[in-house]
Amino acid sequence: MEETIIQNVEMKKPFELKDQIPLEKGSIVSKILAQNEALSITLFSFGKGQEISTHQSDGDAFVQVLEGEGTFVIDGEPHLVKAGESIVMPHQHPHALKATADFKMLLTMVFPGEGVSQ
């Protein structure tokens, strides 16, 4: 059988992305869909109140909120992002997030490198 680049979801059938990861109260759950040196695509679910502390990344982070809402702090400025909305956290800028309600998101990280225009 041929190996695919995208993992952990059923191929060639429609699905709702938010249904591909469980929500566990009081926890953060992640599910990697694809990962290599240039790109990382990961589903996350956050129970209300869960957070990721301030950090920086070597790649740009494109977030799509699939369900619920979270507060994303970029360069010290808070942004409430709700289901259906997106936000970009630029590489090498401090950012953090907190689940203001139960929420799910898709995180696409794009890393600089050969073949990636900047």
C-alpha atoms as a PDB file:
ATOM      1  CA  MET A   1       0.000   0.000   0.000  1.00  0.00           C
ATOM      2  CA  GLU A   2       1.259   3.471  -0.897  1.00  0.00           C
ATOM      3  CA  GLU A   3       2.300   5.668   2.029  1.00  0.00           C
ATOM      4  CA  THR A   4       0.527   9.023   2.212  1.00  0.00           C
ATOM      5  CA  ILE A   5       1.882  12.343   3.427  1.00  0.00           C
ATOM      6  CA  ILE A   6      -1.241  13.220   5.424  1.00  0.00           C
ATOM      7  CA  GLN A   7      -1.823  10.777   8.273  1.00  0.00           C
ATOM      8  CA  ASN A   8      -4.451   9.982  10.917  1.00  0.00           C
ATOM      9  CA  VAL A   9      -7.556  10.780   8.842  1.00  0.00           C
ATOM     10  CA  GLU A  10      -9.509   8.643   6.401  1.00  0.00           C
ATOM     11  CA  MET A  11      -8.638   9.323   2.778  1.00  0.00           C
ATOM     12  CA  LYS A  12     -11.015   9.960  -0.114  1.00  0.00           C
ATOM     13  CA  LYS A  13     -14.105  10.556   2.062  1.00  0.00           C
ATOM     14  CA  PRO A  14     -15.617  13.838   3.246  1.00  0.00           C
ATOM     15  CA  PHE A  15     -15.424  14.537   6.970  1.00  0.00           C
ATOM     16  CA  GLU A  16     -15.780  17.342   9.489  1.00  0.00           C
ATOM     17  CA  LEU A  17     -12.340  18.322  10.728  1.00  0.00           C
ATOM     18  CA  LYS A  18     -13.600  19.187  14.224  1.00  0.00           C
ATOM     19  CA  ASP A  19     -14.845  15.605  14.622  1.00  0.00           C
ATOM     20  CA  GLN A  20     -11.349  14.188  14.072  1.00  0.00           C
ATOM     21  CA  ILE A  21     -10.132  15.026  17.598  1.00  0.00           C
ATOM     22  CA  PRO A  22     -11.819  14.440  20.952  1.00  0.00           C
ATOM     23  CA  LEU A  23     -12.355  17.153  23.533  1.00  0.00           C
ATOM     24  CA  GLU A  24     -11.188  16.124  26.985  1.00  0.00           C
ATOM     25  CA  LYS A  25     -12.196  18.446  29.835  1.00  0.00           C
ATOM     26  CA  GLY A  26      -9.166  19.840  31.657  1.00  0.00           C
ATOM     27  CA  SER A  27      -6.743  18.643  28.962  1.00  0.00           C
ATOM     28  CA  ILE A  28      -4.983  19.588  25.751  1.00  0.00           C
ATOM     29  CA  VAL A  29      -5.147  16.912  23.039  1.00  0.00           C
ATOM     30  CA  SER A  30      -3.147  16.982  19.800  1.00  0.00           C
ATOM     31  CA  LYS A  31      -3.203  14.892  16.635  1.00  0.00           C
ATOM     32  CA  ILE A  32      -0.503  15.310  13.970  1.00  0.00           C
ATOM     33  CA  LEU A  33      -1.835  15.159  10.417  1.00  0.00           C
ATOM     34  CA  ALA A  34       1.401  15.918   8.544  1.00  0.00           C
ATOM     35  CA  GLN A  35       4.932  16.846   9.512  1.00  0.00           C
ATOM     36  CA  ASN A  36       8.215  17.416   7.719  1.00  0.00           C
ATOM     37  CA  GLU A  37      11.018  20.000   7.706  1.00  0.00           C
ATOM     38  CA  ALA A  38       8.898  22.631   5.917  1.00  0.00           C
ATOM     39  CA  LEU A  39       5.400  22.053   7.287  1.00  0.00           C
ATOM     40  CA  SER A  40       3.491  20.770  10.289  1.00  0.00           C
ATOM     41  CA  ILE A  41      -0.301  20.343  10.405  1.00  0.00           C
ATOM     42  CA  THR A  42      -1.780  19.473  13.801  1.00  0.00           C
ATOM     43  CA  LEU A  43      -5.276  19.341  15.255  1.00  0.00           C
ATOM     44  CA  PHE A  44      -5.661  20.508  18.853  1.00  0.00           C
ATOM     45  CA  SER A  45      -8.464  20.501  21.369  1.00  0.00           C
ATOM     46  CA  PHE A  46      -8.341  22.500  24.600  1.00  0.00           C
ATOM     47  CA  GLY A  47     -10.562  22.167  27.626  1.00  0.00           C
ATOM     48  CA  LYS A  48     -11.732  25.523  28.987  1.00  0.00           C
ATOM     49  CA  GLY A  49      -8.947  27.187  30.982  1.00  0.00           C
ATOM     50  CA  GLN A  50      -6.100  25.220  29.403  1.00  0.00           C
ATOM     51  CA  GLU A  51      -3.239  27.284  28.057  1.00  0.00           C
ATOM     52  CA  ILE A  52       0.110  27.283  26.323  1.00  0.00           C
ATOM     53  CA  SER A  53       2.535  29.744  27.883  1.00  0.00           C
ATOM     54  CA  THR A  54       4.427  32.419  25.981  1.00  0.00           C
ATOM     55  CA  HIS A  55       6.942  31.035  23.510  1.00  0.00           C
ATOM     56  CA  GLN A  56       8.388  31.730  20.060  1.00  0.00           C
ATOM     57  CA  SER A  57       8.520  29.550  16.993  1.00  0.00           C
ATOM     58  CA  ASP A  58      10.885  29.236  14.040  1.00  0.00           C
ATOM     59  CA  GLY A  59       7.897  29.061  11.669  1.00  0.00           C
ATOM     60  CA  ASP A  60       4.773  31.094  10.980  1.00  0.00           C
ATOM     61  CA  ALA A  61       1.728  29.621  12.740  1.00  0.00           C
ATOM     62  CA  PHE A  62      -1.599  29.774  10.886  1.00  0.00           C
ATOM     63  CA  VAL A  63      -4.512  28.886  13.190  1.00  0.00           C
ATOM     64  CA  GLN A  64      -8.073  28.059  12.158  1.00  0.00           C
ATOM     65  CA  VAL A  65     -10.504  27.826  15.081  1.00  0.00           C
ATOM     66  CA  LEU A  66     -12.924  24.998  14.330  1.00  0.00           C
ATOM     67  CA  GLU A  67     -15.117  25.104  17.429  1.00  0.00           C
ATOM     68  CA  GLY A  68     -15.398  27.313  20.523  1.00  0.00           C
ATOM     69  CA  GLU A  69     -12.983  30.178  21.131  1.00  0.00           C
ATOM     70  CA  GLY A  70      -9.570  31.020  22.506  1.00  0.00           C
ATOM     71  CA  THR A  71      -7.528  34.079  23.360  1.00  0.00           C
ATOM     72  CA  PHE A  72      -4.267  34.337  21.441  1.00  0.00           C
ATOM     73  CA  VAL A  73      -1.687  36.804  22.775  1.00  0.00           C
ATOM     74  CA  ILE A  74       0.816  37.967  20.146  1.00  0.00           C
ATOM     75  CA  ASP A  75       3.517  40.464  21.112  1.00  0.00           C
ATOM     76  CA  GLY A  76       1.551  41.111  24.318  1.00  0.00           C
ATOM     77  CA  GLU A  77      -1.708  41.968  22.499  1.00  0.00           C
ATOM     78  CA  PRO A  78      -4.719  39.668  23.167  1.00  0.00           C
ATOM     79  CA  HIS A  79      -7.025  38.535  20.337  1.00  0.00           C
ATOM     80  CA  LEU A  80     -10.234  36.575  20.932  1.00  0.00           C
ATOM     81  CA  VAL A  81     -10.592  34.149  18.017  1.00  0.00           C
ATOM     82  CA  LYS A  82     -13.890  32.287  17.549  1.00  0.00           C
ATOM     83  CA  ALA A  83     -15.055  29.312  15.487  1.00  0.00           C
ATOM     84  CA  GLY A  84     -14.765  30.102  11.789  1.00  0.00           C
ATOM     85  CA  GLU A  85     -12.022  32.697  12.347  1.00  0.00           C
ATOM     86  CA  SER A  86      -8.268  32.457  11.811  1.00  0.00           C
ATOM     87  CA  ILE A  87      -5.143  34.209  13.043  1.00  0.00           C
ATOM     88  CA  VAL A  88      -1.474  34.148  12.059  1.00  0.00           C
ATOM     89  CA  MET A  89       1.272  34.202  14.669  1.00  0.00           C
ATOM     90  CA  PRO A  90       4.466  35.286  12.878  1.00  0.00           C
ATOM     91  CA  HIS A  91       7.674  33.390  13.511  1.00  0.00           C
ATOM     92  CA  GLN A  92      10.026  34.722  16.176  1.00  0.00           C
ATOM     93  CA  HIS A  93       7.243  36.785  17.814  1.00  0.00           C
ATOM     94  CA  PRO A  94       6.256  35.835  21.374  1.00  0.00           C
ATOM     95  CA  HIS A  95       2.804  34.292  21.531  1.00  0.00           C
ATOM     96  CA  ALA A  96       0.598  32.325  23.912  1.00  0.00           C
ATOM     97  CA  LEU A  97      -2.966  31.061  24.037  1.00  0.00           C
ATOM     98  CA  LYS A  98      -5.687  30.290  26.531  1.00  0.00           C
ATOM     99  CA  ALA A  99      -8.964  28.458  26.040  1.00  0.00           C
ATOM    100  CA  THR A 100     -11.662  30.906  27.138  1.00  0.00           C
ATOM    101  CA  ALA A 101     -14.125  28.085  26.352  1.00  0.00           C
ATOM    102  CA  ASP A 102     -13.688  24.506  25.181  1.00  0.00           C
ATOM    103  CA  PHE A 103     -12.235  24.808  21.689  1.00  0.00           C
ATOM    104  CA  LYS A 104     -10.657  23.005  18.763  1.00  0.00           C
ATOM    105  CA  MET A 105      -8.215  24.367  16.222  1.00  0.00           C
ATOM    106  CA  LEU A 106      -6.104  23.387  13.251  1.00  0.00           C
ATOM    107  CA  LEU A 107      -2.517  24.622  13.466  1.00  0.00           C
ATOM    108  CA  THR A 108      -0.496  24.851  10.263  1.00  0.00           C
ATOM    109  CA  MET A 109       3.161  25.681  10.840  1.00  0.00           C
ATOM    110  CA  VAL A 110       5.216  26.811   7.847  1.00  0.00           C
ATOM    111  CA  PHE A 111       8.972  26.826   8.339  1.00  0.00           C
ATOM    112  CA  PRO A 112      11.490  28.783   6.259  1.00  0.00           C
ATOM    113  CA  GLY A 113      13.768  26.791   4.055  1.00  0.00           C
ATOM    114  CA  GLU A 114      14.681  25.912   0.523  1.00  0.00           C
ATOM    115  CA  GLY A 115      11.651  26.070  -1.762  1.00  0.00           C
ATOM    116  CA  VAL A 116       9.557  28.137   0.689  1.00  0.00           C
ATOM    117  CA  SER A 117       9.192  31.742  -0.448  1.00  0.00           C
ATOM    118  CA  GLN A 118       9.509  34.408   2.246  1.00  0.00           C
END
